[in-house]
PDB file of N, CA and C in Angstrom:
ATOM      1  N   MET A   1       0.846  -1.164   0.000  1.00  0.00           N
ATOM      2  CA  MET A   1       0.000   0.000   0.000  1.00  0.00           C
ATOM      3  C   MET A   1       0.895   1.231   0.000  1.00  0.00           C
ATOM      4  N   ARG A   2       0.820   2.046  -1.006  1.00  0.00           N
ATOM      5  CA  ARG A   2       1.638   3.253  -1.100  1.00  0.00           C
ATOM      6  C   ARG A   2       0.729   4.405  -1.511  1.00  0.00           C
ATOM      7  N   GLN A   3       0.748   5.451  -0.716  1.00  0.00           N
ATOM      8  CA  GLN A   3      -0.032   6.637  -1.007  1.00  0.00           C
ATOM      9  C   GLN A   3       0.863   7.639  -1.721  1.00  0.00           C
ATOM     10  N   THR A   4       0.388   8.216  -2.796  1.00  0.00           N
ATOM     11  CA  THR A   4       1.169   9.264  -3.454  1.00  0.00           C
ATOM     12  C   THR A   4       0.294  10.488  -3.602  1.00  0.00           C
ATOM     13  N   ASN A   5       0.906  11.637  -3.433  1.00  0.00           N
ATOM     14  CA  ASN A   5       0.202  12.897  -3.587  1.00  0.00           C
ATOM     15  C   ASN A   5       1.236  13.912  -4.076  1.00  0.00           C
ATOM     16  N   ALA A   6       1.254  14.165  -5.367  1.00  0.00           N
ATOM     17  CA  ALA A   6       2.225  15.078  -5.979  1.00  0.00           C
ATOM     18  C   ALA A   6       3.650  14.654  -5.649  1.00  0.00           C
ATOM     19  N   GLY A   7       3.916  13.357  -5.689  1.00  0.00           N
ATOM     20  CA  GLY A   7       5.259  12.854  -5.490  1.00  0.00           C
ATOM     21  C   GLY A   7       5.627  12.530  -4.061  1.00  0.00           C
ATOM     22  N   SER A   8       4.816  12.886  -3.083  1.00  0.00           N
ATOM     23  CA  SER A   8       5.137  12.574  -1.692  1.00  0.00           C
ATOM     24  C   SER A   8       4.130  11.578  -1.134  1.00  0.00           C
ATOM     25  N   ARG A   9       4.593  10.765  -0.204  1.00  0.00           N
ATOM     26  CA  ARG A   9       3.750   9.742   0.379  1.00  0.00           C
ATOM     27  C   ARG A   9       3.205  10.239   1.703  1.00  0.00           C
ATOM     28  N   ARG A  10       1.935   9.982   1.956  1.00  0.00           N
ATOM     29  CA  ARG A  10       1.282  10.429   3.165  1.00  0.00           C
ATOM     30  C   ARG A  10       1.122   9.242   4.102  1.00  0.00           C
ATOM     31  N   LEU A  11       1.662   9.347   5.317  1.00  0.00           N
ATOM     32  CA  LEU A  11       1.540   8.268   6.290  1.00  0.00           C
ATOM     33  C   LEU A  11       0.274   8.477   7.114  1.00  0.00           C
ATOM     34  N   GLN A  12      -0.470   7.401   7.321  1.00  0.00           N
ATOM     35  CA  GLN A  12      -1.696   7.459   8.113  1.00  0.00           C
ATOM     36  C   GLN A  12      -1.352   7.520   9.601  1.00  0.00           C
ATOM     37  N   LEU A  13      -2.275   7.999  10.418  1.00  0.00           N
ATOM     38  CA  LEU A  13      -2.087   8.103  11.858  1.00  0.00           C
ATOM     39  C   LEU A  13      -3.061   7.216  12.606  1.00  0.00           C
ATOM     40  N   VAL A  14      -2.601   6.607  13.703  1.00  0.00           N
ATOM     41  CA  VAL A  14      -3.466   5.927  14.663  1.00  0.00           C
ATOM     42  C   VAL A  14      -3.111   6.476  16.044  1.00  0.00           C
ATOM     43  N   HIS A  15      -3.967   6.241  17.017  1.00  0.00           N
ATOM     44  CA  HIS A  15      -3.824   6.844  18.334  1.00  0.00           C
ATOM     45  C   HIS A  15      -3.861   5.758  19.413  1.00  0.00           C
ATOM     46  N   LEU A  16      -2.927   5.805  20.363  1.00  0.00           N
ATOM     47  CA  LEU A  16      -2.913   4.861  21.484  1.00  0.00           C
ATOM     48  C   LEU A  16      -2.388   5.561  22.726  1.00  0.00           C
ATOM     49  N   ASN A  17      -3.145   5.462  23.813  1.00  0.00           N
ATOM     50  CA  ASN A  17      -2.737   6.022  25.112  1.00  0.00           C
ATOM     51  C   ASN A  17      -2.284   7.473  25.018  1.00  0.00           C
ATOM     52  N   GLY A  18      -3.066   8.295  24.346  1.00  0.00           N
ATOM     53  CA  GLY A  18      -2.763   9.716  24.273  1.00  0.00           C
ATOM     54  C   GLY A  18      -1.655  10.112  23.315  1.00  0.00           C
ATOM     55  N   ARG A  19      -1.225   9.207  22.463  1.00  0.00           N
ATOM     56  CA  ARG A  19      -0.123   9.496  21.542  1.00  0.00           C
ATOM     57  C   ARG A  19      -0.493   9.079  20.119  1.00  0.00           C
ATOM     58  N   ASP A  20      -0.109   9.905  19.149  1.00  0.00           N
ATOM     59  CA  ASP A  20      -0.312   9.574  17.737  1.00  0.00           C
ATOM     60  C   ASP A  20       0.873   8.793  17.213  1.00  0.00           C
ATOM     61  N   TYR A  21       0.598   7.819  16.356  1.00  0.00           N
ATOM     62  CA  TYR A  21       1.639   7.016  15.711  1.00  0.00           C
ATOM     63  C   TYR A  21       1.405   7.028  14.207  1.00  0.00           C
ATOM     64  N   PHE A  22       2.476   7.223  13.444  1.00  0.00           N
ATOM     65  CA  PHE A  22       2.416   7.074  11.995  1.00  0.00           C
ATOM     66  C   PHE A  22       2.452   5.595  11.649  1.00  0.00           C
ATOM     67  N   VAL A  23       1.691   5.187  10.633  1.00  0.00           N
ATOM     68  CA  VAL A  23       1.711   3.814  10.142  1.00  0.00           C
ATOM     69  C   VAL A  23       2.695   3.776   8.979  1.00  0.00           C
ATOM     70  N   ASP A  24       3.871   3.201   9.194  1.00  0.00           N
ATOM     71  CA  ASP A  24       4.899   3.140   8.165  1.00  0.00           C
ATOM     72  C   ASP A  24       4.954   1.725   7.608  1.00  0.00           C
ATOM     73  N   LEU A  25       4.289   1.522   6.477  1.00  0.00           N
ATOM     74  CA  LEU A  25       4.208   0.189   5.880  1.00  0.00           C
ATOM     75  C   LEU A  25       5.541  -0.253   5.302  1.00  0.00           C
ATOM     76  N   ASP A  26       6.366   0.686   4.852  1.00  0.00           N
ATOM     77  CA  ASP A  26       7.677   0.320   4.305  1.00  0.00           C
ATOM     78  C   ASP A  26       8.587  -0.264   5.378  1.00  0.00           C
ATOM     79  N   ARG A  27       8.564   0.313   6.570  1.00  0.00           N
ATOM     80  CA  ARG A  27       9.398  -0.180   7.670  1.00  0.00           C
ATOM     81  C   ARG A  27       8.712  -1.242   8.513  1.00  0.00           C
ATOM     82  N   GLY A  28       7.397  -1.403   8.350  1.00  0.00           N
ATOM     83  CA  GLY A  28       6.666  -2.397   9.132  1.00  0.00           C
ATOM     84  C   GLY A  28       6.540  -2.015  10.596  1.00  0.00           C
ATOM     85  N   GLU A  29       6.283  -0.722  10.833  1.00  0.00           N
ATOM     86  CA  GLU A  29       6.194  -0.284  12.221  1.00  0.00           C
ATOM     87  C   GLU A  29       5.297   0.946  12.361  1.00  0.00           C
ATOM     88  N   PHE A  30       4.832   1.134  13.580  1.00  0.00           N
ATOM     89  CA  PHE A  30       4.149   2.352  13.977  1.00  0.00           C
ATOM     90  C   PHE A  30       5.216   3.247  14.597  1.00  0.00           C
ATOM     91  N   ARG A  31       5.268   4.530  14.202  1.00  0.00           N
ATOM     92  CA  ARG A  31       6.284   5.444  14.716  1.00  0.00           C
ATOM     93  C   ARG A  31       5.634   6.696  15.280  1.00  0.00           C
ATOM     94  N   ALA A  32       6.004   7.031  16.515  1.00  0.00           N
ATOM     95  CA  ALA A  32       5.551   8.282  17.122  1.00  0.00           C
ATOM     96  C   ALA A  32       6.688   9.286  17.014  1.00  0.00           C
ATOM     97  N   PRO A  33       6.398  10.477  16.525  1.00  0.00           N
ATOM     98  CA  PRO A  33       7.464  11.476  16.425  1.00  0.00           C
ATOM     99  C   PRO A  33       7.878  11.965  17.806  1.00  0.00           C
ATOM    100  N   PRO A  34       9.142  12.360  17.954  1.00  0.00           N
ATOM    101  CA  PRO A  34       9.565  12.921  19.239  1.00  0.00           C
ATOM    102  C   PRO A  34       8.912  14.275  19.467  1.00  0.00           C
ATOM    103  N   ASP A  35       8.710  14.615  20.710  1.00  0.00           N
ATOM    104  CA  ASP A  35       8.260  15.958  21.051  1.00  0.00           C
ATOM    105  C   ASP A  35       9.141  16.488  22.176  1.00  0.00           C
ATOM    106  N   ARG A  36       8.842  17.644  22.680  1.00  0.00           N
ATOM    107  CA  ARG A  36       9.740  18.243  23.668  1.00  0.00           C
ATOM    108  C   ARG A  36       9.708  17.548  25.016  1.00  0.00           C
ATOM    109  N   HIS A  37       8.714  16.692  25.254  1.00  0.00           N
ATOM    110  CA  HIS A  37       8.593  15.996  26.541  1.00  0.00           C
ATOM    111  C   HIS A  37       9.085  14.563  26.517  1.00  0.00           C
ATOM    112  N   ARG A  38       9.190  13.962  25.334  1.00  0.00           N
ATOM    113  CA  ARG A  38       9.623  12.568  25.257  1.00  0.00           C
ATOM    114  C   ARG A  38      10.265  12.268  23.913  1.00  0.00           C
ATOM    115  N   ASN A  39      11.044  11.218  23.920  1.00  0.00           N
ATOM    116  CA  ASN A  39      11.724  10.789  22.696  1.00  0.00           C
ATOM    117  C   ASN A  39      10.744  10.134  21.741  1.00  0.00           C
ATOM    118  N   GLY A  40      11.178   9.960  20.507  1.00  0.00           N
ATOM    119  CA  GLY A  40      10.382   9.221  19.538  1.00  0.00           C
ATOM    120  C   GLY A  40      10.186   7.786  20.012  1.00  0.00           C
ATOM    121  N   ASP A  41       9.141   7.163  19.563  1.00  0.00           N
ATOM    122  CA  ASP A  41       8.777   5.822  20.005  1.00  0.00           C
ATOM    123  C   ASP A  41       8.356   5.044  18.764  1.00  0.00           C
ATOM    124  N   PHE A  42       8.585   3.739  18.755  1.00  0.00           N
ATOM    125  CA  PHE A  42       8.107   2.940  17.629  1.00  0.00           C
ATOM    126  C   PHE A  42       7.713   1.553  18.116  1.00  0.00           C
ATOM    127  N   ALA A  43       6.881   0.891  17.334  1.00  0.00           N
ATOM    128  CA  ALA A  43       6.466  -0.480  17.630  1.00  0.00           C
ATOM    129  C   ALA A  43       6.389  -1.235  16.315  1.00  0.00           C
ATOM    130  N   ARG A  44       7.095  -2.351  16.230  1.00  0.00           N
ATOM    131  CA  ARG A  44       7.004  -3.213  15.045  1.00  0.00           C
ATOM    132  C   ARG A  44       5.577  -3.754  14.949  1.00  0.00           C
ATOM    133  N   PHE A  45       5.107  -3.981  13.735  1.00  0.00           N
ATOM    134  CA  PHE A  45       3.751  -4.491  13.542  1.00  0.00           C
ATOM    135  C   PHE A  45       3.516  -5.802  14.287  1.00  0.00           C
ATOM    136  N   ASP A  46       4.546  -6.665  14.341  1.00  0.00           N
ATOM    137  CA  ASP A  46       4.366  -7.985  14.946  1.00  0.00           C
ATOM    138  C   ASP A  46       4.637  -8.008  16.452  1.00  0.00           C
ATOM    139  N   SER A  47       4.892  -6.848  17.077  1.00  0.00           N
ATOM    140  CA  SER A  47       5.115  -6.797  18.527  1.00  0.00           C
ATOM    141  C   SER A  47       3.766  -6.722  19.259  1.00  0.00           C
ATOM    142  N   SER A  48       3.786  -6.906  20.568  1.00  0.00           N
ATOM    143  CA  SER A  48       2.537  -6.830  21.335  1.00  0.00           C
ATOM    144  C   SER A  48       1.940  -5.418  21.271  1.00  0.00           C
ATOM    145  N   LYS A  49       2.770  -4.396  21.341  1.00  0.00           N
ATOM    146  CA  LYS A  49       2.277  -3.022  21.227  1.00  0.00           C
ATOM    147  C   LYS A  49       1.740  -2.769  19.815  1.00  0.00           C
ATOM    148  N   GLY A  50       2.428  -3.310  18.810  1.00  0.00           N
ATOM    149  CA  GLY A  50       1.953  -3.188  17.436  1.00  0.00           C
ATOM    150  C   GLY A  50       0.593  -3.837  17.243  1.00  0.00           C
ATOM    151  N   GLN A  51       0.374  -4.980  17.886  1.00  0.00           N
ATOM    152  CA  GLN A  51      -0.923  -5.643  17.792  1.00  0.00           C
ATOM    153  C   GLN A  51      -2.029  -4.815  18.443  1.00  0.00           C
ATOM    154  N   LEU A  52      -1.718  -4.138  19.553  1.00  0.00           N
ATOM    155  CA  LEU A  52      -2.697  -3.244  20.185  1.00  0.00           C
ATOM    156  C   LEU A  52      -3.087  -2.114  19.238  1.00  0.00           C
ATOM    157  N   LEU A  53      -2.110  -1.574  18.530  1.00  0.00           N
ATOM    158  CA  LEU A  53      -2.394  -0.514  17.570  1.00  0.00           C
ATOM    159  C   LEU A  53      -3.216  -1.039  16.388  1.00  0.00           C
ATOM    160  N   TRP A  54      -2.867  -2.212  15.856  1.00  0.00           N
ATOM    161  CA  TRP A  54      -3.627  -2.783  14.725  1.00  0.00           C
ATOM    162  C   TRP A  54      -5.068  -3.064  15.115  1.00  0.00           C
ATOM    163  N   ASP A  55      -5.311  -3.432  16.381  1.00  0.00           N
ATOM    164  CA  ASP A  55      -6.680  -3.717  16.828  1.00  0.00           C
ATOM    165  C   ASP A  55      -7.575  -2.488  16.742  1.00  0.00           C
ATOM    166  N   GLN A  56      -6.985  -1.309  16.689  1.00  0.00           N
ATOM    167  CA  GLN A  56      -7.750  -0.066  16.603  1.00  0.00           C
ATOM    168  C   GLN A  56      -7.917   0.420  15.169  1.00  0.00           C
ATOM    169  N   CYS A  57      -7.430  -0.363  14.205  1.00  0.00           N
ATOM    170  CA  CYS A  57      -7.409   0.075  12.803  1.00  0.00           C
ATOM    171  C   CYS A  57      -8.205  -0.854  11.902  1.00  0.00           C
ATOM    172  N   LEU A  58      -8.500  -0.341  10.731  1.00  0.00           N
ATOM    173  CA  LEU A  58      -9.006  -1.162   9.640  1.00  0.00           C
ATOM    174  C   LEU A  58      -8.398  -0.636   8.355  1.00  0.00           C
ATOM    175  N   ILE A  59      -8.419  -1.450   7.324  1.00  0.00           N
ATOM    176  CA  ILE A  59      -7.881  -1.030   6.029  1.00  0.00           C
ATOM    177  C   ILE A  59      -9.064  -0.755   5.112  1.00  0.00           C
ATOM    178  N   ALA A  60      -9.171   0.485   4.660  1.00  0.00           N
ATOM    179  CA  ALA A  60     -10.252   0.901   3.770  1.00  0.00           C
ATOM    180  C   ALA A  60      -9.722   0.915   2.344  1.00  0.00           C
ATOM    181  N   THR A  61     -10.510   0.366   1.421  1.00  0.00           N
ATOM    182  CA  THR A  61     -10.132   0.320   0.011  1.00  0.00           C
ATOM    183  C   THR A  61     -11.102   1.158  -0.802  1.00  0.00           C
ATOM    184  N   CYS A  62     -10.585   2.067  -1.605  1.00  0.00           N
ATOM    185  CA  CYS A  62     -11.416   2.896  -2.471  1.00  0.00           C
ATOM    186  C   CYS A  62     -12.027   2.018  -3.566  1.00  0.00           C
ATOM    187  N   SER A  63     -13.345   2.070  -3.697  1.00  0.00           N
ATOM    188  CA  SER A  63     -14.002   1.238  -4.716  1.00  0.00           C
ATOM    189  C   SER A  63     -13.816   1.808  -6.118  1.00  0.00           C
ATOM    190  N   LYS A  64     -13.399   3.059  -6.213  1.00  0.00           N
ATOM    191  CA  LYS A  64     -13.202   3.662  -7.531  1.00  0.00           C
ATOM    192  C   LYS A  64     -11.821   3.369  -8.104  1.00  0.00           C
ATOM    193  N   CYS A  65     -10.744   3.596  -7.300  1.00  0.00           N
ATOM    194  CA  CYS A  65      -9.392   3.425  -7.851  1.00  0.00           C
ATOM    195  C   CYS A  65      -8.598   2.302  -7.175  1.00  0.00           C
ATOM    196  N   GLY A  66      -9.114   1.731  -6.081  1.00  0.00           N
ATOM    197  CA  GLY A  66      -8.451   0.605  -5.436  1.00  0.00           C
ATOM    198  C   GLY A  66      -7.376   0.974  -4.423  1.00  0.00           C
ATOM    199  N   THR A  67      -7.159   2.272  -4.169  1.00  0.00           N
ATOM    200  CA  THR A  67      -6.161   2.690  -3.191  1.00  0.00           C
ATOM    201  C   THR A  67      -6.579   2.249  -1.793  1.00  0.00           C
ATOM    202  N   GLU A  68      -5.633   1.707  -1.039  1.00  0.00           N
ATOM    203  CA  GLU A  68      -5.903   1.282   0.324  1.00  0.00           C
ATOM    204  C   GLU A  68      -5.316   2.287   1.295  1.00  0.00           C
ATOM    205  N   ARG A  69      -5.958   2.426   2.452  1.00  0.00           N
ATOM    206  CA  ARG A  69      -5.419   3.260   3.511  1.00  0.00           C
ATOM    207  C   ARG A  69      -5.833   2.728   4.861  1.00  0.00           C
ATOM    208  N   VAL A  70      -5.006   2.966   5.848  1.00  0.00           N
ATOM    209  CA  VAL A  70      -5.276   2.551   7.209  1.00  0.00           C
ATOM    210  C   VAL A  70      -6.080   3.658   7.883  1.00  0.00           C
ATOM    211  N   GLU A  71      -7.170   3.286   8.527  1.00  0.00           N
ATOM    212  CA  GLU A  71      -8.045   4.249   9.197  1.00  0.00           C
ATOM    213  C   GLU A  71      -8.378   3.762  10.596  1.00  0.00           C
ATOM    214  N   PRO A  72      -8.688   4.682  11.514  1.00  0.00           N
ATOM    215  CA  PRO A  72      -9.177   4.260  12.828  1.00  0.00           C
ATOM    216  C   PRO A  72     -10.510   3.533  12.683  1.00  0.00           C
ATOM    217  N   ARG A  73     -10.771   2.564  13.536  1.00  0.00           N
ATOM    218  CA  ARG A  73     -12.007   1.791  13.466  1.00  0.00           C
ATOM    219  C   ARG A  73     -13.258   2.640  13.576  1.00  0.00           C
ATOM    220  N   HIS A  74     -13.190   3.764  14.271  1.00  0.00           N
ATOM    221  CA  HIS A  74     -14.377   4.594  14.486  1.00  0.00           C
ATOM    222  C   HIS A  74     -14.671   5.520  13.305  1.00  0.00           C
ATOM    223  N   ALA A  75     -13.844   5.534  12.264  1.00  0.00           N
ATOM    224  CA  ALA A  75     -14.077   6.405  11.104  1.00  0.00           C
ATOM    225  C   ALA A  75     -15.337   5.963  10.370  1.00  0.00           C
ATOM    226  N   SER A  76     -16.113   6.918   9.886  1.00  0.00           N
ATOM    227  CA  SER A  76     -17.340   6.586   9.183  1.00  0.00           C
ATOM    228  C   SER A  76     -17.216   6.766   7.673  1.00  0.00           C
ATOM    229  N   GLY A  77     -16.239   7.477   7.226  1.00  0.00           N
ATOM    230  CA  GLY A  77     -16.029   7.673   5.806  1.00  0.00           C
ATOM    231  C   GLY A  77     -14.908   8.681   5.592  1.00  0.00           C
ATOM    232  N   VAL A  78     -14.112   8.457   4.595  1.00  0.00           N
ATOM    233  CA  VAL A  78     -12.988   9.345   4.299  1.00  0.00           C
ATOM    234  C   VAL A  78     -12.890   9.517   2.793  1.00  0.00           C
ATOM    235  N   LYS A  79     -12.212  10.585   2.375  1.00  0.00           N
ATOM    236  CA  LYS A  79     -11.982  10.782   0.949  1.00  0.00           C
ATOM    237  C   LYS A  79     -10.669  10.129   0.563  1.00  0.00           C
ATOM    238  N   CYS A  80     -10.664   9.509  -0.596  1.00  0.00           N
ATOM    239  CA  CYS A  80      -9.472   8.887  -1.140  1.00  0.00           C
ATOM    240  C   CYS A  80      -8.458   9.975  -1.487  1.00  0.00           C
ATOM    241  N   HIS A  81      -7.211   9.772  -1.095  1.00  0.00           N
ATOM    242  CA  HIS A  81      -6.175  10.758  -1.394  1.00  0.00           C
ATOM    243  C   HIS A  81      -5.776  10.734  -2.867  1.00  0.00           C
ATOM    244  N   ARG A  82      -6.051   9.641  -3.537  1.00  0.00           N
ATOM    245  CA  ARG A  82      -5.659   9.545  -4.950  1.00  0.00           C
ATOM    246  C   ARG A  82      -6.705  10.130  -5.877  1.00  0.00           C
ATOM    247  N   CYS A  83      -7.964   9.705  -5.749  1.00  0.00           N
ATOM    248  CA  CYS A  83      -8.975  10.142  -6.723  1.00  0.00           C
ATOM    249  C   CYS A  83     -10.051  11.057  -6.147  1.00  0.00           C
ATOM    250  N   GLY A  84     -10.112  11.209  -4.830  1.00  0.00           N
ATOM    251  CA  GLY A  84     -11.074  12.117  -4.220  1.00  0.00           C
ATOM    252  C   GLY A  84     -12.443  11.529  -3.957  1.00  0.00           C
ATOM    253  N   ALA A  85     -12.666  10.258  -4.311  1.00  0.00           N
ATOM    254  CA  ALA A  85     -13.964   9.623  -4.064  1.00  0.00           C
ATOM    255  C   ALA A  85     -14.118   9.322  -2.565  1.00  0.00           C
ATOM    256  N   TRP A  86     -15.375   9.309  -2.105  1.00  0.00           N
ATOM    257  CA  TRP A  86     -15.631   8.945  -0.715  1.00  0.00           C
ATOM    258  C   TRP A  86     -15.434   7.449  -0.543  1.00  0.00           C
ATOM    259  N   VAL A  87     -14.773   7.061   0.530  1.00  0.00           N
ATOM    260  CA  VAL A  87     -14.534   5.659   0.832  1.00  0.00           C
ATOM    261  C   VAL A  87     -15.319   5.342   2.093  1.00  0.00           C
ATOM    262  N   LEU A  88     -16.229   4.404   2.014  1.00  0.00           N
ATOM    263  CA  LEU A  88     -16.970   3.988   3.192  1.00  0.00           C
ATOM    264  C   LEU A  88     -16.180   2.957   3.955  1.00  0.00           C
ATOM    265  N   VAL A  89     -16.076   3.128   5.253  1.00  0.00           N
ATOM    266  CA  VAL A  89     -15.321   2.189   6.080  1.00  0.00           C
ATOM    267  C   VAL A  89     -16.236   1.523   7.078  1.00  0.00           C
TER     268      VAL A  89
END
């Protein structure tokens, strides 16, 4: 799954215990950016923390162009970054 938007790839976000994590499919991990209060954090997809994050996600596929994206389970619908069509999740 690779998102492109004018040559740049957009990483999806998920949330766990008050922190946002980027979903990096190329590296196979969830990554939290560092902030001024704590260092960056990451969890491999196959780790126990990674499994907790995956349990909060689903993969939505655009029925128009087939682009996939990771979304929070509570999402009700999002626009496809590639073609702009609404994707029902």
